[in-house]
Amino acid sequence: MTDSIFQILAIFGALAWLSPLVIPWIKRKIVKSKIAILTDKILEIGYTNYGPILNINFSILVKDKNALIEKINLGLQHENQETHSFSWEWFEEQILQMDVPDYGSMPFKKNQKAVAINAITNILVEKKIGFQSPDFQKKYIDLLLATNETFSNLTKARRCSVASRA
C-alpha cells in the first residue's frame, strides 16, 4: 500500500517538474491567433493587361499568437448581385521616408510577390496589397497556351510545305 502511495507521489513530483515545459507547449497548440485587419478607405480598382485589379492598403494586427498568413482572398459584390473574386498577387511596404532639400519627401518602398506574411504578436504590419482575378488569369493562360499551340502547328505546316517544294 505504501509503495503505491509513493509511486503516485513520484508521478505528481515528475509532473510538477515537467509542467513548466508541457503547459506552454499545450497552450501554443490550443490557442489560436486573433487577427485584426484594418483597411484604408480608398481602393484602387482598375483593369490592366492582367485583367481586373484591386489594390488596397492593409494594416494587420495579431493578438495571442504569431500568425503566418499564406493567402488573402477578397470577394466583391455589385448591387445587381454580380460577384467577383480576387486573390493577392503582390504587396508593397514602405521601408522609410527621406526628406530631401529642394525635392520634398522621398519614400523608399519594397515590392514583392505575395507568398506569405509573418505577423508577429502586437506588431502592426502595414502593406499595400495588390489583388487580381484568378478566373481571368486561368482563362488568359489557357488562351495563351492554345495560341502558342496554333502558332507552333502553323509554323510546322509552313516548314513542311516549303520543304516539299524544294
Foldseek 3Di string as FASTA:
>chain_A
DVVVVVVVVVVVVVCVVCVVVPVVVVLQVPDDKDKDKDWDPDWDWDQDPQGTKIKTKIKIAIADFKDKAFWDKDWDADPVGDIFIKIWFKKKDWPDWDQDPPPGIDTDMDIDTRGIDTHGHPDIDIIITMIGGVVSVVVVVVVVVVVVVVVVVVVVVVVVVVVVVD
